[in-house]
N, C-alpha and C. Protein backbone atom coordinates (compact mmCIF):
# COMPACT_ATOMS: atom_id res chain seq x y z
N MET A 1 0.82 -1.19 0.00
CA MET A 1 0.00 0.00 0.00
C MET A 1 0.87 1.26 0.00
N LEU A 2 1.92 1.25 0.82
CA LEU A 2 2.82 2.39 0.87
C LEU A 2 3.53 2.57 -0.48
N ARG A 3 3.94 1.46 -1.10
CA ARG A 3 4.60 1.55 -2.40
C ARG A 3 3.67 2.18 -3.44
N LEU A 4 2.39 1.78 -3.43
CA LEU A 4 1.42 2.33 -4.37
C LEU A 4 1.24 3.82 -4.14
N ARG A 5 1.14 4.24 -2.90
CA ARG A 5 0.97 5.66 -2.58
C ARG A 5 2.20 6.46 -3.01
N LEU A 6 3.40 5.94 -2.74
CA LEU A 6 4.62 6.61 -3.15
C LEU A 6 4.71 6.71 -4.67
N PHE A 7 4.31 5.64 -5.36
CA PHE A 7 4.30 5.66 -6.82
C PHE A 7 3.36 6.76 -7.32
N GLY A 8 2.18 6.88 -6.71
CA GLY A 8 1.22 7.92 -7.11
C GLY A 8 1.78 9.31 -6.90
N ILE A 9 2.48 9.52 -5.80
CA ILE A 9 3.08 10.82 -5.53
C ILE A 9 4.17 11.11 -6.55
N LEU A 10 4.98 10.13 -6.88
CA LEU A 10 6.04 10.31 -7.87
C LEU A 10 5.46 10.66 -9.24
N VAL A 11 4.43 9.95 -9.66
CA VAL A 11 3.79 10.23 -10.95
C VAL A 11 3.24 11.65 -10.96
N THR A 12 2.56 12.05 -9.88
CA THR A 12 2.01 13.41 -9.79
C THR A 12 3.11 14.45 -9.91
N LEU A 13 4.23 14.23 -9.23
CA LEU A 13 5.34 15.17 -9.30
C LEU A 13 5.92 15.25 -10.71
N LEU A 14 6.09 14.10 -11.35
CA LEU A 14 6.62 14.10 -12.71
C LEU A 14 5.69 14.83 -13.67
N VAL A 15 4.42 14.57 -13.58
CA VAL A 15 3.45 15.24 -14.45
C VAL A 15 3.41 16.73 -14.15
N SER A 16 3.56 17.08 -12.87
CA SER A 16 3.49 18.48 -12.46
C SER A 16 4.66 19.30 -12.96
N ILE A 17 5.87 18.74 -12.98
CA ILE A 17 7.04 19.55 -13.32
C ILE A 17 7.55 19.33 -14.73
N ALA A 18 7.28 18.21 -15.33
CA ALA A 18 7.86 17.93 -16.65
C ALA A 18 7.52 18.99 -17.69
N PRO A 19 6.27 19.36 -17.88
CA PRO A 19 5.97 20.33 -18.93
C PRO A 19 6.53 21.71 -18.64
N VAL A 20 6.62 22.08 -17.38
CA VAL A 20 7.12 23.40 -17.03
C VAL A 20 8.58 23.53 -17.45
N ALA A 21 9.35 22.47 -17.26
CA ALA A 21 10.77 22.52 -17.60
C ALA A 21 11.00 22.59 -19.10
N LEU A 22 10.06 22.11 -19.90
CA LEU A 22 10.26 22.02 -21.34
C LEU A 22 9.74 23.21 -22.12
N VAL A 23 8.95 24.07 -21.51
CA VAL A 23 8.27 25.11 -22.26
C VAL A 23 8.60 26.47 -21.69
N ALA A 24 8.80 27.43 -22.57
CA ALA A 24 9.16 28.77 -22.13
C ALA A 24 7.95 29.67 -21.89
N ALA A 25 6.88 29.51 -22.68
CA ALA A 25 5.78 30.46 -22.59
C ALA A 25 4.44 29.76 -22.72
N PRO A 26 3.44 30.25 -21.95
CA PRO A 26 2.11 29.66 -22.09
C PRO A 26 1.49 30.04 -23.44
N VAL A 27 0.56 29.23 -23.91
CA VAL A 27 -0.11 29.52 -25.16
C VAL A 27 -1.52 30.05 -24.94
N SER A 28 -1.91 30.23 -23.70
CA SER A 28 -3.27 30.71 -23.45
C SER A 28 -3.41 32.13 -23.95
N ALA A 29 -4.62 32.44 -24.39
CA ALA A 29 -4.91 33.77 -24.90
C ALA A 29 -5.05 34.76 -23.74
N ALA A 30 -4.94 36.03 -24.07
CA ALA A 30 -5.18 37.06 -23.07
C ALA A 30 -6.62 36.94 -22.60
N PRO A 31 -6.89 37.21 -21.31
CA PRO A 31 -8.25 37.04 -20.81
C PRO A 31 -9.32 37.75 -21.64
N SER A 32 -9.06 38.95 -22.12
CA SER A 32 -10.09 39.66 -22.88
C SER A 32 -10.41 38.95 -24.19
N ALA A 33 -9.41 38.33 -24.82
CA ALA A 33 -9.65 37.63 -26.08
C ALA A 33 -10.22 36.24 -25.86
N ALA A 34 -9.97 35.68 -24.70
CA ALA A 34 -10.35 34.29 -24.45
C ALA A 34 -11.81 34.12 -24.06
N VAL A 35 -12.50 35.19 -23.76
CA VAL A 35 -13.84 35.03 -23.21
C VAL A 35 -14.94 35.68 -24.04
N THR A 36 -14.66 36.13 -25.24
CA THR A 36 -15.66 36.85 -26.01
C THR A 36 -16.71 35.94 -26.64
N ASP A 37 -16.42 34.66 -26.82
CA ASP A 37 -17.34 33.76 -27.50
C ASP A 37 -18.01 32.78 -26.54
N ARG A 38 -18.23 33.20 -25.32
CA ARG A 38 -18.73 32.29 -24.29
C ARG A 38 -20.15 32.65 -23.86
N ALA A 39 -21.07 31.74 -24.14
CA ALA A 39 -22.47 31.97 -23.80
C ALA A 39 -22.72 31.67 -22.32
N VAL A 40 -23.62 32.44 -21.75
CA VAL A 40 -24.08 32.20 -20.38
C VAL A 40 -25.31 31.32 -20.48
N GLY A 41 -25.23 30.16 -19.88
CA GLY A 41 -26.36 29.24 -19.87
C GLY A 41 -27.20 29.42 -18.63
N THR A 42 -27.94 28.39 -18.28
CA THR A 42 -28.80 28.42 -17.11
C THR A 42 -27.95 28.50 -15.85
N THR A 43 -28.32 29.43 -14.96
CA THR A 43 -27.58 29.61 -13.71
C THR A 43 -28.43 29.19 -12.53
N ILE A 44 -27.78 29.11 -11.38
CA ILE A 44 -28.43 28.73 -10.14
C ILE A 44 -27.73 29.52 -9.03
N SER A 45 -28.35 29.67 -7.88
CA SER A 45 -27.79 30.53 -6.83
C SER A 45 -26.85 29.82 -5.87
N TYR A 46 -26.57 28.54 -6.11
CA TYR A 46 -25.69 27.79 -5.19
C TYR A 46 -24.88 26.76 -5.96
N ASN A 47 -23.86 26.24 -5.30
CA ASN A 47 -22.98 25.23 -5.89
C ASN A 47 -23.68 23.88 -5.83
N THR A 48 -23.89 23.27 -7.00
CA THR A 48 -24.58 21.98 -7.06
C THR A 48 -23.66 20.79 -6.80
N GLY A 49 -22.35 21.03 -6.72
CA GLY A 49 -21.40 19.95 -6.46
C GLY A 49 -21.48 19.48 -5.02
N ALA A 50 -21.02 18.27 -4.79
CA ALA A 50 -20.97 17.72 -3.43
C ALA A 50 -19.74 18.27 -2.71
N PRO A 51 -19.89 18.86 -1.52
CA PRO A 51 -18.74 19.40 -0.79
C PRO A 51 -17.62 18.36 -0.66
N GLY A 52 -16.40 18.80 -0.94
CA GLY A 52 -15.24 17.93 -0.85
C GLY A 52 -14.94 17.14 -2.11
N GLN A 53 -15.85 17.19 -3.07
CA GLN A 53 -15.68 16.43 -4.31
C GLN A 53 -15.21 17.35 -5.44
N CYS A 54 -14.78 16.74 -6.53
CA CYS A 54 -14.25 17.51 -7.65
C CYS A 54 -15.28 18.47 -8.22
N THR A 55 -16.55 18.07 -8.25
CA THR A 55 -17.59 18.93 -8.81
C THR A 55 -17.73 20.22 -8.02
N TRP A 56 -17.64 20.13 -6.70
CA TRP A 56 -17.75 21.31 -5.85
C TRP A 56 -16.56 22.24 -6.08
N GLY A 57 -15.35 21.68 -6.10
CA GLY A 57 -14.15 22.50 -6.27
C GLY A 57 -14.12 23.20 -7.61
N ALA A 58 -14.44 22.49 -8.69
CA ALA A 58 -14.43 23.10 -10.02
C ALA A 58 -15.49 24.18 -10.14
N MET A 59 -16.67 23.94 -9.58
CA MET A 59 -17.74 24.93 -9.66
C MET A 59 -17.39 26.20 -8.88
N GLU A 60 -16.67 26.06 -7.77
CA GLU A 60 -16.25 27.26 -7.02
C GLU A 60 -15.27 28.10 -7.84
N LYS A 61 -14.36 27.47 -8.56
CA LYS A 61 -13.42 28.21 -9.42
C LYS A 61 -14.18 28.86 -10.58
N PHE A 62 -15.14 28.15 -11.16
CA PHE A 62 -15.97 28.67 -12.24
C PHE A 62 -16.70 29.92 -11.78
N ARG A 63 -17.32 29.86 -10.58
CA ARG A 63 -18.03 31.02 -10.03
C ARG A 63 -17.08 32.18 -9.71
N ALA A 64 -15.91 31.86 -9.17
CA ALA A 64 -14.94 32.91 -8.84
C ALA A 64 -14.54 33.68 -10.10
N TYR A 65 -14.43 33.00 -11.22
CA TYR A 65 -14.05 33.65 -12.48
C TYR A 65 -15.22 34.34 -13.15
N SER A 66 -16.37 33.67 -13.20
CA SER A 66 -17.50 34.17 -13.99
C SER A 66 -18.55 34.92 -13.17
N GLY A 67 -18.53 34.73 -11.85
CA GLY A 67 -19.56 35.35 -11.00
C GLY A 67 -20.87 34.57 -11.01
N ARG A 68 -20.86 33.37 -11.59
CA ARG A 68 -22.10 32.58 -11.73
C ARG A 68 -21.85 31.12 -11.38
N TYR A 69 -22.89 30.49 -10.85
CA TYR A 69 -22.90 29.03 -10.72
C TYR A 69 -23.69 28.49 -11.91
N ALA A 70 -23.10 27.57 -12.65
CA ALA A 70 -23.82 26.91 -13.75
C ALA A 70 -24.76 25.88 -13.14
N ALA A 71 -25.95 25.77 -13.68
CA ALA A 71 -26.95 24.81 -13.17
C ALA A 71 -26.64 23.42 -13.74
N LEU A 72 -25.61 22.80 -13.19
CA LEU A 72 -25.18 21.46 -13.64
C LEU A 72 -25.43 20.47 -12.52
N ARG A 73 -25.95 19.32 -12.87
CA ARG A 73 -26.25 18.29 -11.89
C ARG A 73 -25.64 16.97 -12.34
N GLY A 74 -25.61 16.02 -11.41
CA GLY A 74 -25.12 14.69 -11.73
C GLY A 74 -23.65 14.54 -11.42
N ASN A 75 -23.10 13.43 -11.87
CA ASN A 75 -21.68 13.15 -11.69
C ASN A 75 -20.86 13.99 -12.65
N ALA A 76 -19.58 14.10 -12.37
CA ALA A 76 -18.68 14.87 -13.23
C ALA A 76 -18.79 14.42 -14.69
N ALA A 77 -18.90 13.12 -14.92
CA ALA A 77 -18.99 12.59 -16.29
C ALA A 77 -20.18 13.15 -17.05
N ASP A 78 -21.21 13.62 -16.35
CA ASP A 78 -22.43 14.14 -16.97
C ASP A 78 -22.35 15.63 -17.29
N TRP A 79 -21.39 16.32 -16.72
CA TRP A 79 -21.39 17.77 -16.78
C TRP A 79 -21.21 18.35 -18.18
N TYR A 80 -20.38 17.78 -19.01
CA TYR A 80 -20.17 18.33 -20.36
C TYR A 80 -21.48 18.31 -21.14
N ARG A 81 -22.15 17.17 -21.15
CA ARG A 81 -23.43 17.02 -21.85
C ARG A 81 -24.48 17.96 -21.24
N ASN A 82 -24.52 18.02 -19.91
CA ASN A 82 -25.49 18.88 -19.23
C ASN A 82 -25.23 20.36 -19.51
N ALA A 83 -23.97 20.75 -19.60
CA ALA A 83 -23.64 22.15 -19.89
C ALA A 83 -24.14 22.53 -21.29
N ARG A 84 -23.91 21.66 -22.25
CA ARG A 84 -24.40 21.92 -23.61
C ARG A 84 -25.92 22.05 -23.62
N ALA A 85 -26.60 21.16 -22.89
CA ALA A 85 -28.06 21.14 -22.87
C ALA A 85 -28.65 22.36 -22.18
N THR A 86 -27.89 22.99 -21.29
CA THR A 86 -28.41 24.15 -20.56
C THR A 86 -27.86 25.48 -21.08
N GLY A 87 -27.22 25.45 -22.27
CA GLY A 87 -26.86 26.68 -22.95
C GLY A 87 -25.45 27.21 -22.74
N TRP A 88 -24.60 26.51 -22.02
CA TRP A 88 -23.23 26.97 -21.81
C TRP A 88 -22.37 26.61 -23.02
N SER A 89 -21.39 27.44 -23.33
CA SER A 89 -20.44 27.14 -24.42
C SER A 89 -19.52 26.02 -23.98
N THR A 90 -19.28 25.07 -24.89
CA THR A 90 -18.39 23.95 -24.61
C THR A 90 -17.42 23.80 -25.77
N SER A 91 -16.35 23.04 -25.54
CA SER A 91 -15.35 22.82 -26.57
C SER A 91 -14.65 21.48 -26.32
N ALA A 92 -14.30 20.81 -27.38
CA ALA A 92 -13.46 19.60 -27.27
C ALA A 92 -11.99 19.99 -27.36
N THR A 93 -11.72 21.24 -27.70
CA THR A 93 -10.36 21.77 -27.79
C THR A 93 -10.02 22.46 -26.47
N PRO A 94 -8.83 22.22 -25.92
CA PRO A 94 -8.47 22.86 -24.65
C PRO A 94 -8.57 24.37 -24.70
N ARG A 95 -9.13 24.94 -23.66
CA ARG A 95 -9.29 26.39 -23.54
C ARG A 95 -9.02 26.79 -22.10
N PRO A 96 -8.38 27.93 -21.88
CA PRO A 96 -8.20 28.40 -20.51
C PRO A 96 -9.51 28.98 -19.99
N PHE A 97 -9.58 29.16 -18.69
CA PHE A 97 -10.76 29.71 -18.01
C PHE A 97 -11.98 28.85 -18.29
N ALA A 98 -11.82 27.56 -18.02
CA ALA A 98 -12.87 26.59 -18.30
C ALA A 98 -12.79 25.44 -17.30
N MET A 99 -13.92 24.77 -17.11
CA MET A 99 -13.92 23.51 -16.39
C MET A 99 -13.56 22.43 -17.39
N VAL A 100 -12.66 21.53 -17.01
CA VAL A 100 -12.31 20.40 -17.87
C VAL A 100 -13.01 19.17 -17.31
N VAL A 101 -13.67 18.43 -18.20
CA VAL A 101 -14.43 17.24 -17.81
C VAL A 101 -13.72 16.00 -18.34
N PHE A 102 -13.47 15.05 -17.44
CA PHE A 102 -12.83 13.79 -17.79
C PHE A 102 -13.89 12.69 -17.73
N PRO A 103 -14.20 12.05 -18.84
CA PRO A 103 -15.12 10.91 -18.80
C PRO A 103 -14.48 9.75 -18.03
N PRO A 104 -15.26 8.77 -17.61
CA PRO A 104 -14.71 7.63 -16.89
C PRO A 104 -13.54 6.99 -17.65
N GLY A 105 -12.46 6.74 -16.93
CA GLY A 105 -11.28 6.10 -17.50
C GLY A 105 -10.29 7.03 -18.18
N VAL A 106 -10.69 8.23 -18.54
CA VAL A 106 -9.78 9.16 -19.21
C VAL A 106 -8.89 9.82 -18.15
N GLN A 107 -7.60 9.72 -18.35
CA GLN A 107 -6.61 10.27 -17.42
C GLN A 107 -6.83 9.73 -16.00
N GLY A 108 -7.29 8.51 -15.89
CA GLY A 108 -7.46 7.87 -14.59
C GLY A 108 -8.75 8.21 -13.86
N ALA A 109 -9.69 8.88 -14.53
CA ALA A 109 -10.95 9.24 -13.88
C ALA A 109 -11.74 7.99 -13.48
N SER A 110 -12.44 8.09 -12.36
CA SER A 110 -13.26 6.98 -11.86
C SER A 110 -14.48 6.79 -12.74
N ARG A 111 -15.32 5.85 -12.38
CA ARG A 111 -16.55 5.59 -13.14
C ARG A 111 -17.52 6.77 -13.10
N TYR A 112 -17.28 7.71 -12.18
CA TYR A 112 -18.12 8.91 -12.08
C TYR A 112 -17.55 10.07 -12.89
N GLY A 113 -16.37 9.88 -13.48
CA GLY A 113 -15.70 10.95 -14.19
C GLY A 113 -14.94 11.84 -13.22
N HIS A 114 -14.42 12.93 -13.74
CA HIS A 114 -13.68 13.89 -12.91
C HIS A 114 -13.81 15.25 -13.58
N VAL A 115 -13.69 16.31 -12.81
CA VAL A 115 -13.75 17.66 -13.35
C VAL A 115 -12.77 18.54 -12.59
N GLY A 116 -12.17 19.49 -13.29
CA GLY A 116 -11.24 20.44 -12.69
C GLY A 116 -11.40 21.80 -13.35
N TRP A 117 -10.55 22.74 -12.96
CA TRP A 117 -10.57 24.10 -13.49
C TRP A 117 -9.24 24.37 -14.19
N VAL A 118 -9.29 24.90 -15.41
CA VAL A 118 -8.10 25.21 -16.20
C VAL A 118 -7.89 26.71 -16.24
N ASP A 119 -6.68 27.16 -15.85
CA ASP A 119 -6.40 28.60 -15.92
C ASP A 119 -5.34 28.96 -16.96
N ALA A 120 -4.62 27.96 -17.50
CA ALA A 120 -3.60 28.25 -18.50
C ALA A 120 -3.30 26.99 -19.30
N LEU A 121 -2.72 27.20 -20.49
CA LEU A 121 -2.31 26.10 -21.37
C LEU A 121 -0.85 26.31 -21.76
N ARG A 122 -0.17 25.21 -22.07
CA ARG A 122 1.19 25.25 -22.60
C ARG A 122 1.33 24.18 -23.67
N ARG A 123 2.12 24.49 -24.70
CA ARG A 123 2.44 23.51 -25.73
C ARG A 123 3.79 22.88 -25.39
N VAL A 124 3.85 21.56 -25.50
CA VAL A 124 5.09 20.81 -25.35
C VAL A 124 5.15 19.89 -26.56
N GLY A 125 5.96 20.23 -27.53
CA GLY A 125 5.98 19.46 -28.77
C GLY A 125 4.60 19.52 -29.41
N ALA A 126 4.02 18.35 -29.69
CA ALA A 126 2.70 18.27 -30.29
C ALA A 126 1.58 18.20 -29.25
N SER A 127 1.92 18.22 -27.98
CA SER A 127 0.93 18.07 -26.91
C SER A 127 0.54 19.40 -26.29
N THR A 128 -0.68 19.47 -25.81
CA THR A 128 -1.16 20.62 -25.04
C THR A 128 -1.29 20.18 -23.59
N TRP A 129 -0.72 20.97 -22.70
CA TRP A 129 -0.80 20.70 -21.26
C TRP A 129 -1.66 21.77 -20.60
N LEU A 130 -2.46 21.34 -19.63
CA LEU A 130 -3.36 22.23 -18.92
C LEU A 130 -2.83 22.48 -17.51
N HIS A 131 -2.85 23.71 -17.08
CA HIS A 131 -2.59 24.01 -15.67
C HIS A 131 -3.95 23.93 -15.00
N MET A 132 -4.13 22.91 -14.17
CA MET A 132 -5.44 22.55 -13.65
C MET A 132 -5.48 22.52 -12.13
N TYR A 133 -6.57 23.06 -11.61
CA TYR A 133 -6.90 22.93 -10.19
C TYR A 133 -7.95 21.84 -10.08
N ASP A 134 -7.78 20.95 -9.10
CA ASP A 134 -8.86 20.00 -8.85
C ASP A 134 -8.94 19.66 -7.37
N MET A 135 -10.06 19.08 -7.04
CA MET A 135 -10.35 18.65 -5.67
C MET A 135 -10.70 17.18 -5.72
N ASN A 136 -10.34 16.45 -4.68
CA ASN A 136 -10.63 15.02 -4.57
C ASN A 136 -10.00 14.23 -5.70
N GLY A 137 -8.78 14.61 -6.05
CA GLY A 137 -8.00 13.80 -6.98
C GLY A 137 -7.25 12.74 -6.18
N PRO A 138 -5.94 12.64 -6.36
CA PRO A 138 -5.17 11.61 -5.66
C PRO A 138 -5.22 11.71 -4.14
N GLY A 139 -5.48 12.90 -3.60
CA GLY A 139 -5.46 13.07 -2.15
C GLY A 139 -6.76 12.74 -1.43
N GLY A 140 -7.82 12.46 -2.15
CA GLY A 140 -9.11 12.14 -1.53
C GLY A 140 -9.96 13.37 -1.30
N PRO A 141 -11.14 13.19 -0.66
CA PRO A 141 -12.08 14.29 -0.44
C PRO A 141 -11.43 15.49 0.25
N PHE A 142 -11.78 16.67 -0.22
CA PHE A 142 -11.32 17.97 0.27
C PHE A 142 -9.87 18.29 -0.06
N ALA A 143 -9.08 17.33 -0.55
CA ALA A 143 -7.70 17.61 -0.94
C ALA A 143 -7.71 18.37 -2.26
N THR A 144 -6.95 19.44 -2.35
CA THR A 144 -6.88 20.24 -3.56
C THR A 144 -5.44 20.27 -4.07
N ARG A 145 -5.30 20.59 -5.34
CA ARG A 145 -3.97 20.72 -5.93
C ARG A 145 -4.04 21.53 -7.21
N TRP A 146 -2.92 22.13 -7.55
CA TRP A 146 -2.69 22.69 -8.86
C TRP A 146 -1.67 21.78 -9.52
N THR A 147 -1.91 21.37 -10.76
CA THR A 147 -1.00 20.46 -11.44
C THR A 147 -1.06 20.71 -12.94
N TRP A 148 -0.09 20.17 -13.65
CA TRP A 148 -0.09 20.18 -15.12
C TRP A 148 -0.52 18.80 -15.58
N ILE A 149 -1.43 18.74 -16.54
CA ILE A 149 -1.90 17.47 -17.07
C ILE A 149 -2.06 17.61 -18.58
N ARG A 150 -1.76 16.54 -19.30
CA ARG A 150 -1.80 16.58 -20.77
C ARG A 150 -3.23 16.38 -21.27
N HIS A 151 -3.62 17.18 -22.24
CA HIS A 151 -4.92 17.00 -22.89
C HIS A 151 -4.85 15.73 -23.75
N VAL A 152 -5.89 14.91 -23.63
CA VAL A 152 -6.03 13.72 -24.48
C VAL A 152 -7.45 13.70 -25.04
N PRO A 153 -7.67 12.99 -26.14
CA PRO A 153 -9.02 12.91 -26.70
C PRO A 153 -10.02 12.39 -25.67
N GLY A 154 -11.21 12.95 -25.71
CA GLY A 154 -12.27 12.58 -24.78
C GLY A 154 -12.53 13.64 -23.73
N MET A 155 -11.52 14.45 -23.44
CA MET A 155 -11.70 15.52 -22.45
C MET A 155 -12.54 16.63 -23.09
N GLY A 156 -13.40 17.26 -22.29
CA GLY A 156 -14.24 18.35 -22.78
C GLY A 156 -14.11 19.56 -21.88
N TYR A 157 -14.46 20.73 -22.39
CA TYR A 157 -14.27 21.99 -21.67
C TYR A 157 -15.57 22.78 -21.63
N ILE A 158 -15.93 23.24 -20.44
CA ILE A 158 -17.10 24.10 -20.25
C ILE A 158 -16.55 25.51 -20.05
N LEU A 159 -16.80 26.38 -21.00
CA LEU A 159 -16.17 27.69 -21.04
C LEU A 159 -16.87 28.70 -20.14
N ALA A 160 -16.08 29.33 -19.28
CA ALA A 160 -16.63 30.32 -18.35
C ALA A 160 -16.59 31.70 -18.97
N PRO A 161 -17.71 32.41 -18.99
CA PRO A 161 -17.69 33.80 -19.42
C PRO A 161 -17.14 34.67 -18.30
N ARG A 162 -16.51 35.77 -18.65
CA ARG A 162 -15.95 36.66 -17.63
C ARG A 162 -17.07 37.42 -16.93
N ALA A 163 -16.92 37.60 -15.64
CA ALA A 163 -17.92 38.34 -14.84
C ALA A 163 -18.00 39.77 -15.29
């Protein structure tokens, strides 16, 4: 058990620092240019995520940036589809200032999926890396982290409009 935990910490550290060492400049757009094409969908007055879970943490970052809570329900895996259905702008292409949704199995997401907040992007060769905040990742409920993670097919983005 200790070996598995140490391996997880090592992998997290490698993923966290590897792209930073290889890239000189972020590729994210300036905030004013990055948010002009973002629709405001259905809102709600409270965070629909479960406290301590990834949905709660990502929604708090979304609200801090946009001033709104998106009316999204269900597990993280459901959020991309639900965001589209309730009028929010979404993208399959990585974008900063967005919630990133991981379907089950993608980048190690559980059967419920996973969601985080992206504040910047970097190119490393042909890959795009996201600077992501998440909650209830490797550390369990209420544990938070900022990390770099590589975009892979299947990930989706819910775009936050600027407040």
